[in-house]
């Protein structure tokens, strides 16, 4: 679901921009610039793909001790950018007049290079945002839907073609209104997940410090104080071991861990989907729950103001 929403929104914006530029060039019989447009589109898509791979591998290959910190900060930054996109896109969605003037000016002043740069930076901007959001989504639920990814792109390109080239009257506002509402929940989930990762990072540092202190006689008692049990707001749908062998249809055997995972556990079939979309966690801490509600309320206010 996340992959579809993200690629649909970002690809539709890019498709409308490219379509408008193409229509302007075609109307003015600027055939050489039209070739530059498609070359620029291809190169920009490749650059965007490389950016996505670099972001993903950068988080994946981060040192064990700092990975949680990087993921937490990354989630906060991505959530903030999502709020910006929700508000900004509702106000400035592919203004035909602005893009037409930019195209005419670029073609007159710089010719092929001007058109190339105009298209390139427009597509790379959308591509970078897409890569950022997809990497964040993949980090949360550890899965990626190629069906949602390519379906979002194809539908966006089709709508862009129908609007710009075929001149069809399609109301875009409802598309963005309701996909933006889903992105509000997605952004709140990123804040919750980022909080969870930062908490894990701080806990790991505390445990390391306690372990060092516990190696001395003086710090043995003090180090033991760090072994307090974690306080969760709730802790439900816990995995069961193979010895417990639950017969309920709600539990499925996880081949990697050998445990039986409840479908509503955040690693279960249903729970992992809700986790990716809404930031659901089957054992959250208090600050995680509080910040999820704060981020959700803030996002709903932004959404309401943008699509009032």
Protein backbone atom coordinates (compact mmCIF):
# COMPACT_ATOMS: atom_id res chain seq x y z
CA UNK A 1 0.00 0.00 0.00
CA UNK A 2 2.73 2.49 0.97
CA UNK A 3 4.68 1.80 -2.21
CA UNK A 4 1.60 2.49 -4.35
CA UNK A 5 0.66 5.72 -2.55
CA UNK A 6 4.20 7.09 -2.63
CA UNK A 7 5.03 6.26 -6.25
CA UNK A 8 1.59 7.33 -7.46
CA UNK A 9 1.78 10.79 -5.90
CA UNK A 10 5.39 11.52 -6.82
CA UNK A 11 5.18 10.00 -10.31
CA UNK A 12 1.98 11.89 -11.11
CA UNK A 13 3.65 15.19 -10.30
CA UNK A 14 6.64 14.24 -12.47
CA UNK A 15 4.40 12.98 -15.31
CA UNK A 16 2.43 16.24 -15.37
CA UNK A 17 5.61 18.33 -15.46
CA UNK A 18 7.13 16.28 -18.30
CA UNK A 19 3.82 16.24 -20.16
CA UNK A 20 3.42 20.02 -20.01
CA UNK A 21 7.01 20.60 -21.16
CA UNK A 22 6.53 18.11 -24.02
CA UNK A 23 3.29 19.82 -25.10
CA UNK A 24 5.02 23.23 -25.19
CA UNK A 25 7.93 21.89 -27.25
CA UNK A 26 5.61 20.05 -29.62
CA UNK A 27 3.44 23.13 -30.14
CA UNK A 28 6.52 25.18 -31.06
CA UNK A 29 8.02 22.42 -33.29
CA UNK A 30 11.16 22.21 -31.17
CA UNK A 31 11.98 18.63 -32.18
CA UNK A 32 15.63 18.58 -31.05
CA UNK A 33 14.60 19.80 -27.59
CA UNK A 34 12.00 17.00 -27.45
CA UNK A 35 14.83 14.49 -27.81
CA UNK A 36 16.70 16.20 -25.00
CA UNK A 37 13.59 15.94 -22.85
CA UNK A 38 13.48 12.12 -23.09
CA UNK A 39 17.24 11.80 -22.62
CA UNK A 40 16.94 13.95 -19.50
CA UNK A 41 14.02 11.85 -18.19
CA UNK A 42 15.99 8.60 -18.58
CA UNK A 43 19.14 9.98 -16.93
CA UNK A 44 17.12 11.55 -14.07
CA UNK A 45 15.35 8.24 -13.39
CA UNK A 46 18.71 6.43 -13.27
CA UNK A 47 20.15 9.06 -10.90
CA UNK A 48 17.06 8.76 -8.67
CA UNK A 49 17.47 4.96 -8.57
CA UNK A 50 21.13 5.35 -7.56
CA UNK A 51 20.14 7.79 -4.81
CA UNK A 52 17.64 5.24 -3.50
CA UNK A 53 20.23 2.46 -3.46
CA UNK A 54 22.79 4.71 -1.72
CA UNK A 55 20.27 5.68 0.96
CA UNK A 56 19.18 2.08 1.53
CA UNK A 57 22.70 0.65 1.63
CA UNK A 58 23.92 3.54 3.77
CA UNK A 59 21.42 2.66 6.50
CA UNK A 60 21.89 -1.08 6.04
CA UNK A 61 25.70 -0.95 6.21
CA UNK A 62 25.87 1.50 9.12
CA UNK A 63 27.91 0.28 12.12
CA UNK A 64 25.85 -1.78 14.56
CA UNK A 65 26.23 0.73 17.34
CA UNK A 66 24.93 3.70 15.33
CA UNK A 67 22.35 2.10 13.03
CA UNK A 68 19.44 2.76 15.42
CA UNK A 69 20.53 6.38 15.82
CA UNK A 70 20.75 6.92 12.06
CA UNK A 71 17.40 5.22 11.42
CA UNK A 72 15.71 7.25 14.15
CA UNK A 73 16.99 10.59 12.81
CA UNK A 74 16.22 9.48 9.24
CA UNK A 75 12.60 8.70 10.20
CA UNK A 76 12.10 12.11 11.79
CA UNK A 77 13.53 13.91 8.74
CA UNK A 78 11.38 11.86 6.37
CA UNK A 79 8.23 12.47 8.42
CA UNK A 80 8.89 16.23 8.35
CA UNK A 81 9.35 16.13 4.58
CA UNK A 82 6.10 14.19 4.24
CA UNK A 83 4.20 16.92 6.08
CA UNK A 84 5.76 19.47 3.75
CA UNK A 85 4.80 17.46 0.65
CA UNK A 86 1.21 17.08 1.87
CA UNK A 87 0.84 20.85 2.26
CA UNK A 88 2.98 21.99 -0.66
CA UNK A 89 1.49 19.69 -3.30
CA UNK A 90 -2.05 20.79 -2.48
CA UNK A 91 -1.09 24.39 -3.31
CA UNK A 92 1.31 24.14 -6.25
CA UNK A 93 0.46 20.96 -8.17
CA UNK A 94 2.07 21.25 -11.62
CA UNK A 95 1.09 24.81 -12.52
CA UNK A 96 0.79 24.76 -16.32
CA UNK A 97 1.41 28.49 -16.66
CA UNK A 98 4.59 28.48 -14.55
CA UNK A 99 6.04 25.40 -16.28
CA UNK A 100 5.15 26.76 -19.73
CA UNK A 101 6.99 30.02 -19.01
CA UNK A 102 10.00 28.14 -17.65
CA UNK A 103 10.10 25.91 -20.73
CA UNK A 104 9.83 28.80 -23.18
CA UNK A 105 12.54 30.74 -21.34
CA UNK A 106 14.89 27.73 -21.10
CA UNK A 107 14.50 26.86 -24.80
CA UNK A 108 15.10 30.47 -25.88
CA UNK A 109 18.13 31.14 -23.67
CA UNK A 110 19.97 27.82 -23.52
CA UNK A 111 18.39 25.60 -26.16
CA UNK A 112 18.87 21.87 -25.65
CA UNK A 113 20.90 22.28 -22.46
CA UNK A 114 18.24 24.49 -20.91
CA UNK A 115 15.49 21.92 -21.53
CA UNK A 116 17.73 19.11 -20.32
CA UNK A 117 18.48 20.86 -17.01
CA UNK A 118 14.86 21.94 -16.47
CA UNK A 119 13.54 18.38 -16.85
CA UNK A 120 16.47 16.76 -15.06
CA UNK A 121 16.15 18.72 -11.82
CA UNK A 122 12.35 18.45 -11.82
CA UNK A 123 12.49 14.64 -12.10
CA UNK A 124 15.42 14.23 -9.69
CA UNK A 125 13.56 16.24 -7.04
CA UNK A 126 10.56 13.93 -7.30
CA UNK A 127 12.84 10.89 -7.54
CA UNK A 128 14.77 11.85 -4.43
CA UNK A 129 11.55 12.29 -2.44
CA UNK A 130 10.29 8.93 -3.72
CA UNK A 131 13.55 7.19 -2.78
CA UNK A 132 13.53 8.78 0.67
CA UNK A 133 9.96 7.71 1.43
CA UNK A 134 10.38 4.19 0.04
CA UNK A 135 13.58 3.56 2.01
CA UNK A 136 11.82 4.73 5.18
CA UNK A 137 8.83 2.47 4.45
CA UNK A 138 11.09 -0.53 3.79
CA UNK A 139 13.02 0.11 7.01
CA UNK A 140 9.81 0.01 9.05
CA UNK A 141 8.19 -3.21 7.83
CA UNK A 142 11.22 -4.91 6.20
CA UNK A 143 9.31 -5.62 3.00
CA UNK A 144 8.82 -4.09 -0.43
CA UNK A 145 5.86 -4.47 -2.79
CA UNK A 146 6.97 -4.38 -6.43
CA UNK A 147 3.32 -4.67 -7.46
CA UNK A 148 2.40 -1.49 -5.57
CA UNK A 149 5.55 0.26 -6.78
CA UNK A 150 5.01 -0.35 -10.51
CA UNK A 151 1.21 0.00 -10.34
CA UNK A 152 1.56 3.46 -8.81
CA UNK A 153 3.98 4.54 -11.54
CA UNK A 154 1.86 3.16 -14.40
CA UNK A 155 -1.40 4.73 -13.19
CA UNK A 156 0.34 8.08 -12.60
CA UNK A 157 1.88 8.10 -16.10
CA UNK A 158 -1.50 7.13 -17.63
CA UNK A 159 -3.33 9.94 -15.85
CA UNK A 160 -0.60 12.44 -16.80
CA UNK A 161 -0.88 11.35 -20.45
CA UNK A 162 -4.68 11.64 -20.46
CA UNK A 163 -4.60 15.12 -18.90
CA UNK A 164 -1.74 16.79 -20.78
CA UNK A 165 -1.63 15.02 -24.16
CA UNK A 166 -5.26 13.96 -24.58
CA UNK A 167 -6.70 17.00 -22.82
CA UNK A 168 -9.02 14.98 -20.58
CA UNK A 169 -10.65 16.73 -17.63
CA UNK A 170 -9.67 14.72 -14.54
CA UNK A 171 -10.14 16.07 -11.04
CA UNK A 172 -6.80 15.53 -9.32
CA UNK A 173 -7.72 17.07 -5.98
CA UNK A 174 -9.67 14.00 -4.69
CA UNK A 175 -6.69 11.75 -5.58
CA UNK A 176 -4.31 13.85 -3.53
CA UNK A 177 -6.79 14.58 -0.75
CA UNK A 178 -7.31 10.96 0.24
CA UNK A 179 -3.80 9.69 -0.47
CA UNK A 180 -2.55 12.60 1.66
CA UNK A 181 -4.76 11.43 4.52
CA UNK A 182 -3.08 8.02 4.36
CA UNK A 183 0.33 9.73 4.29
CA UNK A 184 -0.59 11.53 7.53
CA UNK A 185 -0.86 8.14 9.25
CA UNK A 186 2.29 7.00 7.47
CA UNK A 187 4.22 10.03 8.78
CA UNK A 188 2.94 9.45 12.33
CA UNK A 189 4.13 5.85 12.03
CA UNK A 190 7.58 7.10 11.01
CA UNK A 191 7.74 9.32 14.09
CA UNK A 192 6.77 6.37 16.30
CA UNK A 193 9.29 4.06 14.65
CA UNK A 194 12.01 6.71 14.81
CA UNK A 195 11.30 7.15 18.52
CA UNK A 196 11.52 3.38 18.99
CA UNK A 197 14.90 3.25 17.24
CA UNK A 198 16.32 6.18 19.21
CA UNK A 199 15.12 4.59 22.44
CA UNK A 200 16.85 1.33 21.49
CA UNK A 201 20.05 3.26 20.74
CA UNK A 202 19.97 4.99 24.14
CA UNK A 203 19.14 1.73 25.90
CA UNK A 204 22.05 0.00 24.20
CA UNK A 205 24.39 2.74 25.37
CA UNK A 206 23.07 2.44 28.92
CA UNK A 207 23.53 -1.33 28.89
CA UNK A 208 27.08 -0.98 27.57
CA UNK A 209 27.87 1.53 30.27
CA UNK A 210 26.34 -0.72 32.92
CA UNK A 211 28.36 -3.71 31.67
CA UNK A 212 31.59 -1.72 31.98
CA UNK A 213 30.67 -0.54 35.48
CA UNK A 214 29.71 -4.06 36.53
CA UNK A 215 33.20 -5.35 35.74
CA UNK A 216 34.50 -3.57 38.84
CA UNK A 217 33.53 -4.46 42.40
CA UNK A 218 32.63 -0.85 42.97
CA UNK A 219 30.23 -0.75 40.03
CA UNK A 220 28.65 -4.19 40.43
CA UNK A 221 25.63 -2.99 42.41
CA UNK A 222 25.23 0.17 40.35
CA UNK A 223 25.45 -1.85 37.14
CA UNK A 224 22.78 -4.24 38.35
CA UNK A 225 20.39 -1.32 38.77
CA UNK A 226 20.33 -0.95 34.98
CA UNK A 227 18.78 -4.38 34.60
CA UNK A 228 15.29 -3.07 35.32
CA UNK A 229 12.50 -4.57 33.26
CA UNK A 230 11.26 -2.43 30.39
CA UNK A 231 7.90 -0.76 31.03
CA UNK A 232 5.57 -1.11 28.08
CA UNK A 233 2.22 0.60 27.62
CA UNK A 234 1.00 -2.82 26.57
CA UNK A 235 2.72 -6.01 25.46
CA UNK A 236 0.35 -8.29 23.60
CA UNK A 237 0.43 -11.08 21.04
CA UNK A 238 3.79 -12.34 22.27
CA UNK A 239 5.45 -15.09 20.19
CA UNK A 240 5.13 -18.61 21.58
CA UNK A 241 7.85 -21.21 21.55
CA UNK A 242 7.68 -24.50 19.71
CA UNK A 243 7.21 -26.27 23.07
CA UNK A 244 3.99 -24.34 23.65
CA UNK A 245 2.81 -25.35 20.16
CA UNK A 246 -0.32 -23.16 19.98
CA UNK A 247 -3.08 -24.78 17.96
CA UNK A 248 -4.89 -21.49 17.23
CA UNK A 249 -5.17 -20.42 13.59
CA UNK A 250 -4.02 -16.98 14.74
CA UNK A 251 -0.47 -18.26 15.14
CA UNK A 252 1.87 -19.11 12.29
CA UNK A 253 5.28 -20.76 12.56
CA UNK A 254 8.18 -18.44 11.77
CA UNK A 255 10.82 -20.52 9.99
CA UNK A 256 13.68 -18.16 10.96
CA UNK A 257 13.11 -17.96 14.73
CA UNK A 258 11.28 -21.26 15.16
CA UNK A 259 8.61 -19.47 17.23
CA UNK A 260 4.90 -19.20 16.58
CA UNK A 261 3.98 -15.60 15.70
CA UNK A 262 0.49 -14.19 16.27
CA UNK A 263 -1.02 -12.58 13.15
CA UNK A 264 -1.47 -9.31 15.10
CA UNK A 265 2.08 -9.27 16.44
CA UNK A 266 4.06 -6.50 14.70
CA UNK A 267 6.05 -9.26 12.99
CA UNK A 268 2.91 -11.20 12.03
CA UNK A 269 1.12 -11.14 8.69
CA UNK A 270 -1.54 -8.59 9.66
CA UNK A 271 0.49 -6.73 12.27
CA UNK A 272 3.42 -6.07 9.92
CA UNK A 273 1.06 -4.49 7.37
CA UNK A 274 -0.49 -2.22 10.01
CA UNK A 275 2.99 -1.43 11.30
CA UNK A 276 4.17 -0.25 7.88
CA UNK A 277 1.12 1.95 7.31
CA UNK A 278 0.26 3.25 10.79
CA UNK A 279 3.40 2.66 12.87
CA UNK A 280 1.69 -0.07 14.92
CA UNK A 281 3.80 -1.77 17.57
CA UNK A 282 2.63 -4.68 19.72
CA UNK A 283 4.86 -3.62 22.65
CA UNK A 284 5.38 0.17 22.57
CA UNK A 285 6.82 2.34 25.33
CA UNK A 286 4.92 5.39 26.62
CA UNK A 287 6.91 8.07 24.73
CA UNK A 288 6.37 6.15 21.48
CA UNK A 289 2.58 6.18 21.94
CA UNK A 290 2.50 9.85 22.99
CA UNK A 291 4.57 11.03 20.01
CA UNK A 292 2.48 8.92 17.62
CA UNK A 293 -0.67 10.75 18.78
CA UNK A 294 1.06 14.15 18.67
CA UNK A 295 2.36 13.50 15.13
CA UNK A 296 -1.05 12.22 14.02
CA UNK A 297 -2.94 15.24 15.37
CA UNK A 298 -0.39 17.63 13.85
CA UNK A 299 -0.62 15.82 10.49
CA UNK A 300 -4.42 15.94 10.51
CA UNK A 301 -4.25 19.70 11.16
CA UNK A 302 -1.85 20.14 8.21
CA UNK A 303 -4.09 17.96 6.01
CA UNK A 304 -7.25 19.83 7.01
CA UNK A 305 -5.65 23.20 6.28
CA UNK A 306 -4.31 22.00 2.92
CA UNK A 307 -7.55 20.38 1.71
CA UNK A 308 -10.18 22.44 3.49
